[in-house]
Each structure stands twice: as C-alpha cells, then as structure tokens.
Amino acid sequence: MATITQQITEAYDRIARRGDLVRLADLRDELGETVNRHELDDVLRLMNRSGAAQLSPMSTQGDLTDHDRWSAVRVGSLQMHLISIR
C-alpha cells in the first residue's frame, strides 16, 4: 500500500503538471475517501515544511467556494487552499 505522501503525489500528478497550483478541494476530490482527513492534513503540513510541496492561501478570498473553505489546511494562522508539487 502506498504511503499518504505517495497517494498525494500520485493524485496531484493525475490532475496537474508538476509546479501547477492545484486547489486542495480538487486534490481531496481526487483522493476520495482513501485517506483520513486528519492524517492527510498532517502529511500536507509536513510536505510543506520539508519543501516537498508548497501550500498557499488563495489570493482572492472572494473566489473561494464552500468546498474550498472546507478543504483548506491551517498552517499557523493561515488557511491554505492551494498546493504545488515540483
């Protein structure tokens, strides 16, 4: 069975090219229910800290959907809505 990091990377690769910004809502949709939300959020934070991925907030908060808000990952005091993997 693939690690959560591998599952994230594989899901990202299915929906984007390396370096593209992807909505975490889309990534969660691609992963489906295969990963526990809390474990997924922890691994996304770890990937962000290690430099394996970059999490970013949406620059125009008015463009956020309810699904974007639900899918966000809190890092410090910020809600992150986007991911990029190189």
PDB file of N, CA and C in Angstrom:
ATOM      1  N   MET A   1       0.835  -1.185   0.000  1.00  0.00           N
ATOM      2  CA  MET A   1       0.000   0.000   0.000  1.00  0.00           C
ATOM      3  C   MET A   1       0.879   1.248   0.000  1.00  0.00           C
ATOM      4  N   ALA A   2       0.490   2.234  -0.765  1.00  0.00           N
ATOM      5  CA  ALA A   2       1.262   3.463  -0.892  1.00  0.00           C
ATOM      6  C   ALA A   2       1.135   4.306   0.373  1.00  0.00           C
ATOM      7  N   THR A   3       2.195   5.033   0.683  1.00  0.00           N
ATOM      8  CA  THR A   3       2.145   5.954   1.812  1.00  0.00           C
ATOM      9  C   THR A   3       1.204   7.107   1.466  1.00  0.00           C
ATOM     10  N   ILE A   4       0.819   7.866   2.475  1.00  0.00           N
ATOM     11  CA  ILE A   4      -0.049   9.015   2.227  1.00  0.00           C
ATOM     12  C   ILE A   4       0.659  10.026   1.326  1.00  0.00           C
ATOM     13  N   THR A   5       1.947  10.221   1.541  1.00  0.00           N
ATOM     14  CA  THR A   5       2.708  11.135   0.677  1.00  0.00           C
ATOM     15  C   THR A   5       2.656  10.665  -0.780  1.00  0.00           C
ATOM     16  N   GLN A   6       2.827   9.374  -1.000  1.00  0.00           N
ATOM     17  CA  GLN A   6       2.754   8.835  -2.359  1.00  0.00           C
ATOM     18  C   GLN A   6       1.352   9.010  -2.940  1.00  0.00           C
ATOM     19  N   GLN A   7       0.338   8.783  -2.135  1.00  0.00           N
ATOM     20  CA  GLN A   7      -1.036   8.947  -2.608  1.00  0.00           C
ATOM     21  C   GLN A   7      -1.307  10.394  -3.001  1.00  0.00           C
ATOM     22  N   ILE A   8      -0.817  11.339  -2.204  1.00  0.00           N
ATOM     23  CA  ILE A   8      -0.979  12.761  -2.521  1.00  0.00           C
ATOM     24  C   ILE A   8      -0.279  13.081  -3.841  1.00  0.00           C
ATOM     25  N   THR A   9       0.967  12.643  -3.969  1.00  0.00           N
ATOM     26  CA  THR A   9       1.749  12.932  -5.172  1.00  0.00           C
ATOM     27  C   THR A   9       1.109  12.309  -6.409  1.00  0.00           C
ATOM     28  N   GLU A  10       0.647  11.084  -6.302  1.00  0.00           N
ATOM     29  CA  GLU A  10       0.004  10.419  -7.431  1.00  0.00           C
ATOM     30  C   GLU A  10      -1.306  11.111  -7.814  1.00  0.00           C
ATOM     31  N   ALA A  11      -2.089  11.528  -6.830  1.00  0.00           N
ATOM     32  CA  ALA A  11      -3.339  12.240  -7.116  1.00  0.00           C
ATOM     33  C   ALA A  11      -3.034  13.583  -7.780  1.00  0.00           C
ATOM     34  N   TYR A  12      -2.038  14.293  -7.275  1.00  0.00           N
ATOM     35  CA  TYR A  12      -1.621  15.569  -7.868  1.00  0.00           C
ATOM     36  C   TYR A  12      -1.215  15.362  -9.328  1.00  0.00           C
ATOM     37  N   ASP A  13      -0.402  14.339  -9.583  1.00  0.00           N
ATOM     38  CA  ASP A  13       0.075  14.079 -10.946  1.00  0.00           C
ATOM     39  C   ASP A  13      -1.064  13.730 -11.902  1.00  0.00           C
ATOM     40  N   ARG A  14      -2.144  13.159 -11.392  1.00  0.00           N
ATOM     41  CA  ARG A  14      -3.284  12.825 -12.250  1.00  0.00           C
ATOM     42  C   ARG A  14      -4.059  14.065 -12.680  1.00  0.00           C
ATOM     43  N   ILE A  15      -4.009  15.133 -11.880  1.00  0.00           N
ATOM     44  CA  ILE A  15      -4.833  16.302 -12.198  1.00  0.00           C
ATOM     45  C   ILE A  15      -4.039  17.533 -12.625  1.00  0.00           C
ATOM     46  N   ALA A  16      -2.711  17.471 -12.539  1.00  0.00           N
ATOM     47  CA  ALA A  16      -1.910  18.651 -12.877  1.00  0.00           C
ATOM     48  C   ALA A  16      -0.514  18.255 -13.315  1.00  0.00           C
ATOM     49  N   ARG A  17       0.186  19.249 -13.853  1.00  0.00           N
ATOM     50  CA  ARG A  17       1.608  19.069 -14.160  1.00  0.00           C
ATOM     51  C   ARG A  17       2.406  19.592 -12.986  1.00  0.00           C
ATOM     52  N   ARG A  18       3.575  19.028 -12.775  1.00  0.00           N
ATOM     53  CA  ARG A  18       4.441  19.457 -11.679  1.00  0.00           C
ATOM     54  C   ARG A  18       4.633  20.973 -11.735  1.00  0.00           C
ATOM     55  N   GLY A  19       4.488  21.612 -10.590  1.00  0.00           N
ATOM     56  CA  GLY A  19       4.656  23.055 -10.471  1.00  0.00           C
ATOM     57  C   GLY A  19       3.359  23.837 -10.586  1.00  0.00           C
ATOM     58  N   ASP A  20       2.292  23.213 -11.105  1.00  0.00           N
ATOM     59  CA  ASP A  20       0.998  23.895 -11.203  1.00  0.00           C
ATOM     60  C   ASP A  20       0.390  24.069  -9.815  1.00  0.00           C
ATOM     61  N   LEU A  21      -0.361  25.153  -9.640  1.00  0.00           N
ATOM     62  CA  LEU A  21      -1.133  25.328  -8.416  1.00  0.00           C
ATOM     63  C   LEU A  21      -2.449  24.580  -8.566  1.00  0.00           C
ATOM     64  N   VAL A  22      -2.785  23.793  -7.570  1.00  0.00           N
ATOM     65  CA  VAL A  22      -3.994  22.979  -7.579  1.00  0.00           C
ATOM     66  C   VAL A  22      -4.793  23.300  -6.320  1.00  0.00           C
ATOM     67  N   ARG A  23      -6.085  23.437  -6.465  1.00  0.00           N
ATOM     68  CA  ARG A  23      -6.942  23.643  -5.293  1.00  0.00           C
ATOM     69  C   ARG A  23      -6.918  22.381  -4.440  1.00  0.00           C
ATOM     70  N   LEU A  24      -6.763  22.565  -3.140  1.00  0.00           N
ATOM     71  CA  LEU A  24      -6.815  21.413  -2.242  1.00  0.00           C
ATOM     72  C   LEU A  24      -8.168  20.709  -2.354  1.00  0.00           C
ATOM     73  N   ALA A  25      -9.218  21.455  -2.680  1.00  0.00           N
ATOM     74  CA  ALA A  25     -10.535  20.834  -2.877  1.00  0.00           C
ATOM     75  C   ALA A  25     -10.467  19.807  -4.000  1.00  0.00           C
ATOM     76  N   ASP A  26      -9.772  20.137  -5.089  1.00  0.00           N
ATOM     77  CA  ASP A  26      -9.643  19.199  -6.215  1.00  0.00           C
ATOM     78  C   ASP A  26      -8.779  18.002  -5.831  1.00  0.00           C
ATOM     79  N   LEU A  27      -7.720  18.257  -5.077  1.00  0.00           N
ATOM     80  CA  LEU A  27      -6.859  17.164  -4.636  1.00  0.00           C
ATOM     81  C   LEU A  27      -7.631  16.212  -3.719  1.00  0.00           C
ATOM     82  N   ARG A  28      -8.389  16.765  -2.793  1.00  0.00           N
ATOM     83  CA  ARG A  28      -9.199  15.919  -1.896  1.00  0.00           C
ATOM     84  C   ARG A  28     -10.224  15.114  -2.694  1.00  0.00           C
ATOM     85  N   ASP A  29     -10.838  15.750  -3.693  1.00  0.00           N
ATOM     86  CA  ASP A  29     -11.800  15.029  -4.539  1.00  0.00           C
ATOM     87  C   ASP A  29     -11.123  13.869  -5.252  1.00  0.00           C
ATOM     88  N   GLU A  30      -9.918  14.093  -5.746  1.00  0.00           N
ATOM     89  CA  GLU A  30      -9.177  13.049  -6.460  1.00  0.00           C
ATOM     90  C   GLU A  30      -8.803  11.903  -5.523  1.00  0.00           C
ATOM     91  N   LEU A  31      -8.460  12.225  -4.295  1.00  0.00           N
ATOM     92  CA  LEU A  31      -8.099  11.192  -3.323  1.00  0.00           C
ATOM     93  C   LEU A  31      -9.318  10.424  -2.820  1.00  0.00           C
ATOM     94  N   GLY A  32     -10.473  11.066  -2.845  1.00  0.00           N
ATOM     95  CA  GLY A  32     -11.676  10.415  -2.347  1.00  0.00           C
ATOM     96  C   GLY A  32     -11.562  10.154  -0.854  1.00  0.00           C
ATOM     97  N   GLU A  33     -12.145   9.057  -0.427  1.00  0.00           N
ATOM     98  CA  GLU A  33     -12.168   8.719   0.997  1.00  0.00           C
ATOM     99  C   GLU A  33     -11.037   7.763   1.374  1.00  0.00           C
ATOM    100  N   THR A  34      -9.981   7.719   0.566  1.00  0.00           N
ATOM    101  CA  THR A  34      -8.905   6.753   0.799  1.00  0.00           C
ATOM    102  C   THR A  34      -8.010   7.127   1.968  1.00  0.00           C
ATOM    103  N   VAL A  35      -8.028   8.403   2.371  1.00  0.00           N
ATOM    104  CA  VAL A  35      -7.132   8.872   3.424  1.00  0.00           C
ATOM    105  C   VAL A  35      -7.949   9.634   4.468  1.00  0.00           C
ATOM    106  N   ASN A  36      -7.703   9.351   5.731  1.00  0.00           N
ATOM    107  CA  ASN A  36      -8.324  10.066   6.833  1.00  0.00           C
ATOM    108  C   ASN A  36      -7.959  11.544   6.760  1.00  0.00           C
ATOM    109  N   ARG A  37      -8.933  12.417   6.952  1.00  0.00           N
ATOM    110  CA  ARG A  37      -8.715  13.855   6.812  1.00  0.00           C
ATOM    111  C   ARG A  37      -7.595  14.365   7.719  1.00  0.00           C
ATOM    112  N   HIS A  38      -7.597  13.984   8.976  1.00  0.00           N
ATOM    113  CA  HIS A  38      -6.580  14.495   9.907  1.00  0.00           C
ATOM    114  C   HIS A  38      -5.185  14.011   9.521  1.00  0.00           C
ATOM    115  N   GLU A  39      -5.076  12.769   9.108  1.00  0.00           N
ATOM    116  CA  GLU A  39      -3.779  12.257   8.658  1.00  0.00           C
ATOM    117  C   GLU A  39      -3.333  12.977   7.394  1.00  0.00           C
ATOM    118  N   LEU A  40      -4.262  13.195   6.473  1.00  0.00           N
ATOM    119  CA  LEU A  40      -3.939  13.903   5.231  1.00  0.00           C
ATOM    120  C   LEU A  40      -3.449  15.313   5.542  1.00  0.00           C
ATOM    121  N   ASP A  41      -4.163  16.031   6.399  1.00  0.00           N
ATOM    122  CA  ASP A  41      -3.751  17.392   6.749  1.00  0.00           C
ATOM    123  C   ASP A  41      -2.361  17.404   7.382  1.00  0.00           C
ATOM    124  N   ASP A  42      -2.097  16.446   8.268  1.00  0.00           N
ATOM    125  CA  ASP A  42      -0.773  16.367   8.899  1.00  0.00           C
ATOM    126  C   ASP A  42       0.329  16.137   7.872  1.00  0.00           C
ATOM    127  N   VAL A  43       0.086  15.248   6.912  1.00  0.00           N
ATOM    128  CA  VAL A  43       1.094  14.962   5.887  1.00  0.00           C
ATOM    129  C   VAL A  43       1.268  16.169   4.969  1.00  0.00           C
ATOM    130  N   LEU A  44       0.184  16.865   4.625  1.00  0.00           N
ATOM    131  CA  LEU A  44       0.305  18.075   3.795  1.00  0.00           C
ATOM    132  C   LEU A  44       1.148  19.134   4.518  1.00  0.00           C
ATOM    133  N   ARG A  45       0.941  19.305   5.816  1.00  0.00           N
ATOM    134  CA  ARG A  45       1.764  20.260   6.581  1.00  0.00           C
ATOM    135  C   ARG A  45       3.226  19.827   6.593  1.00  0.00           C
ATOM    136  N   LEU A  46       3.471  18.540   6.773  1.00  0.00           N
ATOM    137  CA  LEU A  46       4.836  18.021   6.774  1.00  0.00           C
ATOM    138  C   LEU A  46       5.488  18.229   5.408  1.00  0.00           C
ATOM    139  N   MET A  47       4.768  17.952   4.340  1.00  0.00           N
ATOM    140  CA  MET A  47       5.305  18.170   2.986  1.00  0.00           C
ATOM    141  C   MET A  47       5.629  19.643   2.778  1.00  0.00           C
ATOM    142  N   ASN A  48       4.789  20.528   3.293  1.00  0.00           N
ATOM    143  CA  ASN A  48       5.023  21.961   3.178  1.00  0.00           C
ATOM    144  C   ASN A  48       6.289  22.362   3.944  1.00  0.00           C
ATOM    145  N   ARG A  49       6.424  21.872   5.176  1.00  0.00           N
ATOM    146  CA  ARG A  49       7.610  22.200   5.993  1.00  0.00           C
ATOM    147  C   ARG A  49       8.893  21.677   5.377  1.00  0.00           C
ATOM    148  N   SER A  50       8.823  20.481   4.793  1.00  0.00           N
ATOM    149  CA  SER A  50      10.032  19.857   4.248  1.00  0.00           C
ATOM    150  C   SER A  50      10.404  20.395   2.867  1.00  0.00           C
ATOM    151  N   GLY A  51       9.495  21.136   2.249  1.00  0.00           N
ATOM    152  CA  GLY A  51       9.749  21.655   0.907  1.00  0.00           C
ATOM    153  C   GLY A  51       9.326  20.713  -0.204  1.00  0.00           C
ATOM    154  N   ALA A  52       8.740  19.569   0.153  1.00  0.00           N
ATOM    155  CA  ALA A  52       8.266  18.622  -0.868  1.00  0.00           C
ATOM    156  C   ALA A  52       7.052  19.171  -1.603  1.00  0.00           C
ATOM    157  N   ALA A  53       6.345  20.099  -0.970  1.00  0.00           N
ATOM    158  CA  ALA A  53       5.185  20.756  -1.573  1.00  0.00           C
ATOM    159  C   ALA A  53       5.119  22.161  -1.026  1.00  0.00           C
ATOM    160  N   GLN A  54       4.386  23.011  -1.728  1.00  0.00           N
ATOM    161  CA  GLN A  54       4.170  24.363  -1.235  1.00  0.00           C
ATOM    162  C   GLN A  54       2.668  24.575  -1.101  1.00  0.00           C
ATOM    163  N   LEU A  55       2.221  24.889   0.107  1.00  0.00           N
ATOM    164  CA  LEU A  55       0.831  25.233   0.351  1.00  0.00           C
ATOM    165  C   LEU A  55       0.708  26.749   0.342  1.00  0.00           C
ATOM    166  N   SER A  56      -0.379  27.245  -0.256  1.00  0.00           N
ATOM    167  CA  SER A  56      -0.580  28.689  -0.370  1.00  0.00           C
ATOM    168  C   SER A  56      -2.045  29.023  -0.123  1.00  0.00           C
ATOM    169  N   PRO A  57      -2.286  30.233   0.408  1.00  0.00           N
ATOM    170  CA  PRO A  57      -3.670  30.682   0.512  1.00  0.00           C
ATOM    171  C   PRO A  57      -4.140  31.185  -0.859  1.00  0.00           C
ATOM    172  N   MET A  58      -5.430  31.188  -1.073  1.00  0.00           N
ATOM    173  CA  MET A  58      -5.990  31.764  -2.298  1.00  0.00           C
ATOM    174  C   MET A  58      -5.849  33.276  -2.176  1.00  0.00           C
ATOM    175  N   SER A  59      -5.294  33.920  -3.191  1.00  0.00           N
ATOM    176  CA  SER A  59      -5.040  35.361  -3.099  1.00  0.00           C
ATOM    177  C   SER A  59      -6.328  36.174  -3.121  1.00  0.00           C
ATOM    178  N   THR A  60      -7.337  35.684  -3.798  1.00  0.00           N
ATOM    179  CA  THR A  60      -8.622  36.384  -3.837  1.00  0.00           C
ATOM    180  C   THR A  60      -9.643  35.567  -3.057  1.00  0.00           C
ATOM    181  N   GLN A  61      -9.794  35.900  -1.792  1.00  0.00           N
ATOM    182  CA  GLN A  61     -10.667  35.143  -0.901  1.00  0.00           C
ATOM    183  C   GLN A  61     -12.109  35.121  -1.384  1.00  0.00           C
ATOM    184  N   GLY A  62     -12.513  36.123  -2.167  1.00  0.00           N
ATOM    185  CA  GLY A  62     -13.874  36.173  -2.698  1.00  0.00           C
ATOM    186  C   GLY A  62     -14.163  35.059  -3.684  1.00  0.00           C
ATOM    187  N   ASP A  63     -13.113  34.443  -4.246  1.00  0.00           N
ATOM    188  CA  ASP A  63     -13.288  33.360  -5.213  1.00  0.00           C
ATOM    189  C   ASP A  63     -13.451  31.998  -4.549  1.00  0.00           C
ATOM    190  N   LEU A  64     -13.321  31.941  -3.223  1.00  0.00           N
ATOM    191  CA  LEU A  64     -13.408  30.662  -2.525  1.00  0.00           C
ATOM    192  C   LEU A  64     -14.841  30.143  -2.490  1.00  0.00           C
ATOM    193  N   THR A  65     -14.978  28.863  -2.736  1.00  0.00           N
ATOM    194  CA  THR A  65     -16.268  28.204  -2.594  1.00  0.00           C
ATOM    195  C   THR A  65     -16.359  27.606  -1.189  1.00  0.00           C
ATOM    196  N   ASP A  66     -17.541  27.154  -0.818  1.00  0.00           N
ATOM    197  CA  ASP A  66     -17.676  26.462   0.466  1.00  0.00           C
ATOM    198  C   ASP A  66     -16.776  25.234   0.505  1.00  0.00           C
ATOM    199  N   HIS A  67     -16.655  24.540  -0.636  1.00  0.00           N
ATOM    200  CA  HIS A  67     -15.800  23.352  -0.710  1.00  0.00           C
ATOM    201  C   HIS A  67     -14.331  23.728  -0.513  1.00  0.00           C
ATOM    202  N   ASP A  68     -13.911  24.874  -1.087  1.00  0.00           N
ATOM    203  CA  ASP A  68     -12.539  25.360  -0.873  1.00  0.00           C
ATOM    204  C   ASP A  68     -12.286  25.621   0.600  1.00  0.00           C
ATOM    205  N   ARG A  69     -13.232  26.268   1.257  1.00  0.00           N
ATOM    206  CA  ARG A  69     -13.072  26.571   2.688  1.00  0.00           C
ATOM    207  C   ARG A  69     -13.000  25.292   3.509  1.00  0.00           C
ATOM    208  N   TRP A  70     -13.865  24.335   3.214  1.00  0.00           N
ATOM    209  CA  TRP A  70     -13.872  23.062   3.936  1.00  0.00           C
ATOM    210  C   TRP A  70     -12.571  22.291   3.708  1.00  0.00           C
ATOM    211  N   SER A  71     -12.010  22.405   2.516  1.00  0.00           N
ATOM    212  CA  SER A  71     -10.820  21.637   2.128  1.00  0.00           C
ATOM    213  C   SER A  71      -9.514  22.267   2.586  1.00  0.00           C
ATOM    214  N   ALA A  72      -9.565  23.476   3.093  1.00  0.00           N
ATOM    215  CA  ALA A  72      -8.352  24.197   3.481  1.00  0.00           C
ATOM    216  C   ALA A  72      -7.602  23.471   4.591  1.00  0.00           C
ATOM    217  N   VAL A  73      -6.300  23.721   4.623  1.00  0.00           N
ATOM    218  CA  VAL A  73      -5.422  23.207   5.673  1.00  0.00           C
ATOM    219  C   VAL A  73      -4.876  24.418   6.429  1.00  0.00           C
ATOM    220  N   ARG A  74      -5.016  24.414   7.736  1.00  0.00           N
ATOM    221  CA  ARG A  74      -4.485  25.516   8.550  1.00  0.00           C
ATOM    222  C   ARG A  74      -2.995  25.292   8.788  1.00  0.00           C
ATOM    223  N   VAL A  75      -2.220  26.325   8.463  1.00  0.00           N
ATOM    224  CA  VAL A  75      -0.787  26.332   8.749  1.00  0.00           C
ATOM    225  C   VAL A  75      -0.528  27.624   9.502  1.00  0.00           C
ATOM    226  N   GLY A  76      -0.224  27.490  10.773  1.00  0.00           N
ATOM    227  CA  GLY A  76      -0.095  28.674  11.619  1.00  0.00           C
ATOM    228  C   GLY A  76      -1.455  29.338  11.728  1.00  0.00           C
ATOM    229  N   SER A  77      -1.504  30.612  11.386  1.00  0.00           N
ATOM    230  CA  SER A  77      -2.776  31.337  11.450  1.00  0.00           C
ATOM    231  C   SER A  77      -3.465  31.438  10.092  1.00  0.00           C
ATOM    232  N   LEU A  78      -2.872  30.821   9.070  1.00  0.00           N
ATOM    233  CA  LEU A  78      -3.404  30.938   7.708  1.00  0.00           C
ATOM    234  C   LEU A  78      -4.132  29.674   7.263  1.00  0.00           C
ATOM    235  N   GLN A  79      -5.185  29.881   6.497  1.00  0.00           N
ATOM    236  CA  GLN A  79      -5.882  28.783   5.824  1.00  0.00           C
ATOM    237  C   GLN A  79      -5.281  28.653   4.426  1.00  0.00           C
ATOM    238  N   MET A  80      -4.756  27.492   4.104  1.00  0.00           N
ATOM    239  CA  MET A  80      -4.147  27.234   2.794  1.00  0.00           C
ATOM    240  C   MET A  80      -5.148  26.503   1.912  1.00  0.00           C
ATOM    241  N   HIS A  81      -5.276  26.972   0.682  1.00  0.00           N
ATOM    242  CA  HIS A  81      -6.263  26.438  -0.251  1.00  0.00           C
ATOM    243  C   HIS A  81      -5.641  25.824  -1.498  1.00  0.00           C
ATOM    244  N   LEU A  82      -4.357  26.053  -1.701  1.00  0.00           N
ATOM    245  CA  LEU A  82      -3.675  25.620  -2.923  1.00  0.00           C
ATOM    246  C   LEU A  82      -2.429  24.813  -2.581  1.00  0.00           C
ATOM    247  N   ILE A  83      -2.058  23.925  -3.502  1.00  0.00           N
ATOM    248  CA  ILE A  83      -0.834  23.142  -3.361  1.00  0.00           C
ATOM    249  C   ILE A  83      -0.090  23.121  -4.681  1.00  0.00           C
ATOM    250  N   SER A  84       1.219  23.131  -4.596  1.00  0.00           N
ATOM    251  CA  SER A  84       2.087  22.945  -5.755  1.00  0.00           C
ATOM    252  C   SER A  84       3.154  21.936  -5.371  1.00  0.00           C
ATOM    253  N   ILE A  85       3.388  20.989  -6.247  1.00  0.00           N
ATOM    254  CA  ILE A  85       4.441  20.000  -6.045  1.00  0.00           C
ATOM    255  C   ILE A  85       5.381  20.063  -7.232  1.00  0.00           C
ATOM    256  N   ARG A  86       6.666  20.139  -6.968  1.00  0.00           N
ATOM    257  CA  ARG A  86       7.660  20.213  -8.055  1.00  0.00           C
ATOM    258  C   ARG A  86       8.307  18.870  -8.284  1.00  0.00           C
TER     259      ARG A  86
END
